[in-house]
PDB file of N, CA and C in Angstrom:
ATOM      1  N   MET A   1     107.048 140.625 100.594  1.00  0.00           N
ATOM      2  CA  MET A   1     106.681 139.297 100.552  1.00  0.00           C
ATOM      3  C   MET A   1     105.664 138.941  99.932  1.00  0.00           C
ATOM      4  N   ASP A   2     105.626 138.127  98.920  1.00  0.00           N
ATOM      5  CA  ASP A   2     104.473 137.650  98.361  1.00  0.00           C
ATOM      6  C   ASP A   2     103.552 136.751  99.114  1.00  0.00           C
ATOM      7  N   TYR A   3     102.263 136.755  98.959  1.00  0.00           N
ATOM      8  CA  TYR A   3     101.296 135.736  99.669  1.00  0.00           C
ATOM      9  C   TYR A   3     100.586 135.354  98.872  1.00  0.00           C
ATOM     10  N   LEU A   4     100.098 134.026  99.040  1.00  0.00           N
ATOM     11  CA  LEU A   4      99.085 133.394  98.155  1.00  0.00           C
ATOM     12  C   LEU A   4      97.822 133.342  98.974  1.00  0.00           C
ATOM     13  N   THR A   5      96.772 133.141  98.351  1.00  0.00           N
ATOM     14  CA  THR A   5      95.439 132.659  98.810  1.00  0.00           C
ATOM     15  C   THR A   5      95.292 131.217  99.100  1.00  0.00           C
ATOM     16  N   VAL A   6      94.244 130.977  99.982  1.00  0.00           N
ATOM     17  CA  VAL A   6      94.046 129.488 100.144  1.00  0.00           C
ATOM     18  C   VAL A   6      93.680 128.883  98.750  1.00  0.00           C
ATOM     19  N   LYS A   7      92.937 129.469  97.989  1.00  0.00           N
ATOM     20  CA  LYS A   7      92.454 129.039  96.515  1.00  0.00           C
ATOM     21  C   LYS A   7      93.584 128.866  95.600  1.00  0.00           C
ATOM     22  N   GLU A   8      94.504 129.681  95.774  1.00  0.00           N
ATOM     23  CA  GLU A   8      95.829 129.514  94.850  1.00  0.00           C
ATOM     24  C   GLU A   8      96.556 128.425  95.337  1.00  0.00           C
ATOM     25  N   VAL A   9      96.859 128.303  96.569  1.00  0.00           N
ATOM     26  CA  VAL A   9      97.695 127.187  97.094  1.00  0.00           C
ATOM     27  C   VAL A   9      96.867 125.822  96.916  1.00  0.00           C
ATOM     28  N   ALA A  10      95.566 125.601  97.017  1.00  0.00           N
ATOM     29  CA  ALA A  10      94.884 124.641  96.818  1.00  0.00           C
ATOM     30  C   ALA A  10      94.995 124.244  95.409  1.00  0.00           C
ATOM     31  N   ALA A  11      94.974 125.130  94.203  1.00  0.00           N
ATOM     32  CA  ALA A  11      95.204 124.742  92.766  1.00  0.00           C
ATOM     33  C   ALA A  11      96.670 124.382  92.722  1.00  0.00           C
ATOM     34  N   ILE A  12      97.516 124.926  93.376  1.00  0.00           N
ATOM     35  CA  ILE A  12      99.027 124.418  93.088  1.00  0.00           C
ATOM     36  C   ILE A  12      99.328 123.034  93.665  1.00  0.00           C
ATOM     37  N   LEU A  13      98.711 122.563  94.763  1.00  0.00           N
ATOM     38  CA  LEU A  13      98.750 121.322  95.464  1.00  0.00           C
ATOM     39  C   LEU A  13      97.758 120.321  94.780  1.00  0.00           C
ATOM     40  N   LYS A  14      96.728 120.818  94.273  1.00  0.00           N
ATOM     41  CA  LYS A  14      95.658 119.925  93.524  1.00  0.00           C
ATOM     42  C   LYS A  14      94.934 119.153  94.841  1.00  0.00           C
ATOM     43  N   VAL A  15      94.474 120.087  95.767  1.00  0.00           N
ATOM     44  CA  VAL A  15      93.736 119.566  96.903  1.00  0.00           C
ATOM     45  C   VAL A  15      92.736 120.776  97.308  1.00  0.00           C
ATOM     46  N   SER A  16      91.749 120.376  97.921  1.00  0.00           N
ATOM     47  CA  SER A  16      90.600 121.362  98.226  1.00  0.00           C
ATOM     48  C   SER A  16      90.891 122.371  99.141  1.00  0.00           C
ATOM     49  N   GLU A  17      90.053 123.652  98.874  1.00  0.00           N
ATOM     50  CA  GLU A  17      90.719 124.600  99.857  1.00  0.00           C
ATOM     51  C   GLU A  17      90.428 124.252 101.436  1.00  0.00           C
ATOM     52  N   GLN A  18      89.643 123.480 101.623  1.00  0.00           N
ATOM     53  CA  GLN A  18      89.318 122.999 103.073  1.00  0.00           C
ATOM     54  C   GLN A  18      90.655 122.302 103.393  1.00  0.00           C
ATOM     55  N   THR A  19      91.244 121.478 102.671  1.00  0.00           N
ATOM     56  CA  THR A  19      92.399 120.808 103.010  1.00  0.00           C
ATOM     57  C   THR A  19      93.613 121.711 103.258  1.00  0.00           C
ATOM     58  N   VAL A  20      93.660 122.825 102.644  1.00  0.00           N
ATOM     59  CA  VAL A  20      94.589 123.826 102.810  1.00  0.00           C
ATOM     60  C   VAL A  20      94.471 124.341 104.277  1.00  0.00           C
ATOM     61  N   ARG A  21      93.163 124.798 104.257  1.00  0.00           N
ATOM     62  CA  ARG A  21      92.953 125.626 105.663  1.00  0.00           C
ATOM     63  C   ARG A  21      93.136 124.493 106.855  1.00  0.00           C
ATOM     64  N   LYS A  22      92.853 123.196 106.824  1.00  0.00           N
ATOM     65  CA  LYS A  22      93.238 122.342 107.606  1.00  0.00           C
ATOM     66  C   LYS A  22      94.694 122.220 108.039  1.00  0.00           C
ATOM     67  N   TRP A  23      95.401 122.269 106.923  1.00  0.00           N
ATOM     68  CA  TRP A  23      96.868 121.925 107.092  1.00  0.00           C
ATOM     69  C   TRP A  23      97.444 123.258 107.818  1.00  0.00           C
ATOM     70  N   VAL A  24      96.886 124.311 107.488  1.00  0.00           N
ATOM     71  CA  VAL A  24      97.283 125.790 108.354  1.00  0.00           C
ATOM     72  C   VAL A  24      96.960 125.732 109.707  1.00  0.00           C
ATOM     73  N   ALA A  25      95.851 125.146 109.800  1.00  0.00           N
ATOM     74  CA  ALA A  25      95.347 125.194 111.281  1.00  0.00           C
ATOM     75  C   ALA A  25      96.162 124.127 112.125  1.00  0.00           C
ATOM     76  N   ILE A  26      96.685 122.839 111.471  1.00  0.00           N
ATOM     77  CA  ILE A  26      97.497 121.938 112.273  1.00  0.00           C
ATOM     78  C   ILE A  26      98.987 122.334 112.322  1.00  0.00           C
ATOM     79  N   GLY A  27      99.259 123.213 111.298  1.00  0.00           N
ATOM     80  CA  GLY A  27     100.746 123.707 111.298  1.00  0.00           C
ATOM     81  C   GLY A  27     101.381 122.727 110.170  1.00  0.00           C
ATOM     82  N   GLU A  28     100.808 122.213 109.371  1.00  0.00           N
ATOM     83  CA  GLU A  28     101.538 121.571 108.101  1.00  0.00           C
ATOM     84  C   GLU A  28     102.062 122.508 107.178  1.00  0.00           C
ATOM     85  N   LEU A  29     101.203 123.551 107.121  1.00  0.00           N
ATOM     86  CA  LEU A  29     101.598 124.772 105.984  1.00  0.00           C
ATOM     87  C   LEU A  29     101.693 125.844 106.867  1.00  0.00           C
ATOM     88  N   PRO A  30     102.730 126.800 106.434  1.00  0.00           N
ATOM     89  CA  PRO A  30     102.576 128.039 107.117  1.00  0.00           C
ATOM     90  C   PRO A  30     101.622 128.941 106.598  1.00  0.00           C
ATOM     91  N   GLY A  31     101.119 129.653 107.596  1.00  0.00           N
ATOM     92  CA  GLY A  31      99.778 130.541 107.086  1.00  0.00           C
ATOM     93  C   GLY A  31      99.797 131.750 108.126  1.00  0.00           C
ATOM     94  N   GLU A  32      99.219 132.854 107.609  1.00  0.00           N
ATOM     95  CA  GLU A  32      99.043 133.930 108.507  1.00  0.00           C
ATOM     96  C   GLU A  32      97.465 134.614 108.148  1.00  0.00           C
ATOM     97  N   ARG A  33      96.995 134.731 109.462  1.00  0.00           N
ATOM     98  CA  ARG A  33      95.555 135.449 109.212  1.00  0.00           C
ATOM     99  C   ARG A  33      95.616 136.953 108.787  1.00  0.00           C
ATOM    100  N   VAL A  34      95.034 137.280 107.956  1.00  0.00           N
ATOM    101  CA  VAL A  34      94.665 138.802 107.798  1.00  0.00           C
ATOM    102  C   VAL A  34      93.515 139.112 107.678  1.00  0.00           C
ATOM    103  N   GLY A  35      93.080 139.633 108.919  1.00  0.00           N
ATOM    104  CA  GLY A  35      91.586 139.772 109.094  1.00  0.00           C
ATOM    105  C   GLY A  35      91.022 138.370 109.282  1.00  0.00           C
ATOM    106  N   ARG A  36      89.977 138.071 108.500  1.00  0.00           N
ATOM    107  CA  ARG A  36      89.201 136.702 108.629  1.00  0.00           C
ATOM    108  C   ARG A  36      89.943 135.782 107.469  1.00  0.00           C
ATOM    109  N   ARG A  37      90.806 136.214 106.630  1.00  0.00           N
ATOM    110  CA  ARG A  37      91.287 135.388 105.442  1.00  0.00           C
ATOM    111  C   ARG A  37      92.780 134.871 105.977  1.00  0.00           C
ATOM    112  N   ILE A  38      93.056 133.869 105.399  1.00  0.00           N
ATOM    113  CA  ILE A  38      94.229 133.205 105.593  1.00  0.00           C
ATOM    114  C   ILE A  38      95.186 133.496 104.243  1.00  0.00           C
ATOM    115  N   ARG A  39      96.583 133.986 104.717  1.00  0.00           N
ATOM    116  CA  ARG A  39      97.441 134.025 103.436  1.00  0.00           C
ATOM    117  C   ARG A  39      98.665 133.157 103.588  1.00  0.00           C
ATOM    118  N   ILE A  40      99.233 132.631 102.693  1.00  0.00           N
ATOM    119  CA  ILE A  40     100.316 131.580 102.917  1.00  0.00           C
ATOM    120  C   ILE A  40     101.482 132.372 102.272  1.00  0.00           C
ATOM    121  N   PRO A  41     102.387 132.513 103.001  1.00  0.00           N
ATOM    122  CA  PRO A  41     103.719 133.234 102.348  1.00  0.00           C
ATOM    123  C   PRO A  41     104.259 132.355 101.028  1.00  0.00           C
ATOM    124  N   LYS A  42     104.553 132.923  99.985  1.00  0.00           N
ATOM    125  CA  LYS A  42     104.818 132.073  98.835  1.00  0.00           C
ATOM    126  C   LYS A  42     106.372 131.328  98.965  1.00  0.00           C
ATOM    127  N   GLN A  43     107.236 132.277  99.590  1.00  0.00           N
ATOM    128  CA  GLN A  43     108.481 131.698  99.736  1.00  0.00           C
ATOM    129  C   GLN A  43     108.709 130.476 100.602  1.00  0.00           C
ATOM    130  N   GLN A  44     107.887 130.505 101.826  1.00  0.00           N
ATOM    131  CA  GLN A  44     107.747 129.498 102.888  1.00  0.00           C
ATOM    132  C   GLN A  44     107.153 128.316 102.187  1.00  0.00           C
ATOM    133  N   LEU A  45     105.972 128.425 101.315  1.00  0.00           N
ATOM    134  CA  LEU A  45     105.442 127.259 100.510  1.00  0.00           C
ATOM    135  C   LEU A  45     106.473 126.505  99.589  1.00  0.00           C
ATOM    136  N   GLU A  46     107.193 127.477  99.037  1.00  0.00           N
ATOM    137  CA  GLU A  46     108.019 126.859  98.033  1.00  0.00           C
ATOM    138  C   GLU A  46     109.248 126.073  98.753  1.00  0.00           C
ATOM    139  N   GLU A  47     109.810 126.533  99.841  1.00  0.00           N
ATOM    140  CA  GLU A  47     110.628 125.952 100.799  1.00  0.00           C
ATOM    141  C   GLU A  47     110.294 124.583 101.313  1.00  0.00           C
ATOM    142  N   ARG A  48     108.932 124.716 101.883  1.00  0.00           N
ATOM    143  CA  ARG A  48     108.044 123.276 102.084  1.00  0.00           C
ATOM    144  C   ARG A  48     108.168 122.337 100.978  1.00  0.00           C
ATOM    145  N   LEU A  49     107.894 122.863  99.818  1.00  0.00           N
ATOM    146  CA  LEU A  49     107.587 121.885  98.951  1.00  0.00           C
ATOM    147  C   LEU A  49     109.003 121.413  98.223  1.00  0.00           C
ATOM    148  N   SER A  50     110.066 122.006  98.784  1.00  0.00           N
ATOM    149  CA  SER A  50     111.329 121.619  98.193  1.00  0.00           C
ATOM    150  C   SER A  50     111.808 120.176  98.854  1.00  0.00           C
ATOM    151  N   PRO A  51     112.489 119.411  97.934  1.00  0.00           N
ATOM    152  CA  PRO A  51     112.763 117.982  98.152  1.00  0.00           C
ATOM    153  C   PRO A  51     113.641 117.975  99.270  1.00  0.00           C
ATOM    154  N   ASP A  52     114.382 119.069  99.609  1.00  0.00           N
ATOM    155  CA  ASP A  52     115.498 118.982 100.566  1.00  0.00           C
ATOM    156  C   ASP A  52     114.800 119.480 102.010  1.00  0.00           C
ATOM    157  N   HIS A  53     113.489 119.703 101.996  1.00  0.00           N
ATOM    158  CA  HIS A  53     112.917 120.055 103.459  1.00  0.00           C
ATOM    159  C   HIS A  53     112.632 118.776 104.121  1.00  0.00           C
ATOM    160  N   PRO A  54     113.145 118.834 105.516  1.00  0.00           N
ATOM    161  CA  PRO A  54     113.021 117.557 106.310  1.00  0.00           C
ATOM    162  C   PRO A  54     111.654 117.009 106.350  1.00  0.00           C
ATOM    163  N   ALA A  55     110.549 117.610 106.097  1.00  0.00           N
ATOM    164  CA  ALA A  55     109.210 117.034 106.090  1.00  0.00           C
ATOM    165  C   ALA A  55     108.986 116.116 104.861  1.00  0.00           C
ATOM    166  N   ASN A  56     109.979 116.205 103.733  1.00  0.00           N
ATOM    167  CA  ASN A  56     109.620 115.728 102.820  1.00  0.00           C
ATOM    168  C   ASN A  56     110.645 114.332 102.507  1.00  0.00           C
ATOM    169  N   ALA A  57     111.307 114.176 103.592  1.00  0.00           N
ATOM    170  CA  ALA A  57     112.223 112.998 103.654  1.00  0.00           C
ATOM    171  C   ALA A  57     111.549 111.725 103.607  1.00  0.00           C
ATOM    172  N   PRO A  58     112.075 110.718 103.040  1.00  0.00           N
ATOM    173  CA  PRO A  58     111.510 109.422 103.006  1.00  0.00           C
ATOM    174  C   PRO A  58     111.211 108.799 104.169  1.00  0.00           C
ATOM    175  N   ARG A  59     110.097 108.206 104.545  1.00  0.00           N
ATOM    176  CA  ARG A  59     109.818 107.662 105.686  1.00  0.00           C
ATOM    177  C   ARG A  59     110.143 106.147 105.790  1.00  0.00           C
ATOM    178  N   PRO A  60     110.655 105.618 107.052  1.00  0.00           N
ATOM    179  CA  PRO A  60     111.079 104.313 106.976  1.00  0.00           C
ATOM    180  C   PRO A  60     109.953 103.408 106.783  1.00  0.00           C
ATOM    181  N   THR A  61     110.183 102.279 106.032  1.00  0.00           N
ATOM    182  CA  THR A  61     108.949 101.231 105.687  1.00  0.00           C
ATOM    183  C   THR A  61     108.962 100.358 106.717  1.00  0.00           C
ATOM    184  N   ARG A  62     107.614 100.139 106.998  1.00  0.00           N
ATOM    185  CA  ARG A  62     107.606  98.925 108.189  1.00  0.00           C
ATOM    186  C   ARG A  62     107.269  97.628 107.592  1.00  0.00           C
ATOM    187  N   SER A  63     108.099  96.797 108.321  1.00  0.00           N
ATOM    188  CA  SER A  63     108.027  95.378 107.742  1.00  0.00           C
ATOM    189  C   SER A  63     107.246  94.340 108.572  1.00  0.00           C
ATOM    190  N   THR A  64     106.214  93.708 107.945  1.00  0.00           N
ATOM    191  CA  THR A  64     105.298  93.083 108.750  1.00  0.00           C
ATOM    192  C   THR A  64     105.830  91.522 108.983  1.00  0.00           C
ATOM    193  N   PRO A  65     105.656  90.988 110.183  1.00  0.00           N
ATOM    194  CA  PRO A  65     106.235  89.672 110.580  1.00  0.00           C
ATOM    195  C   PRO A  65     105.432  88.617 109.914  1.00  0.00           C
TER     196      PRO A  65
END
């Protein structure tokens, strides 16, 4: 299995490294600790970014009264 670093994922998603770390900490992104470092499984990241993933489904819009 291939793993990506926090820096690589941040570049792919165009967000900061701190944001990637936060998303891993709260469970938004899959991640595994290797010593003191975080590695993100490439396959799981690709699945998460897929349009078919449930987290990427359109959210219902709220109508304001």
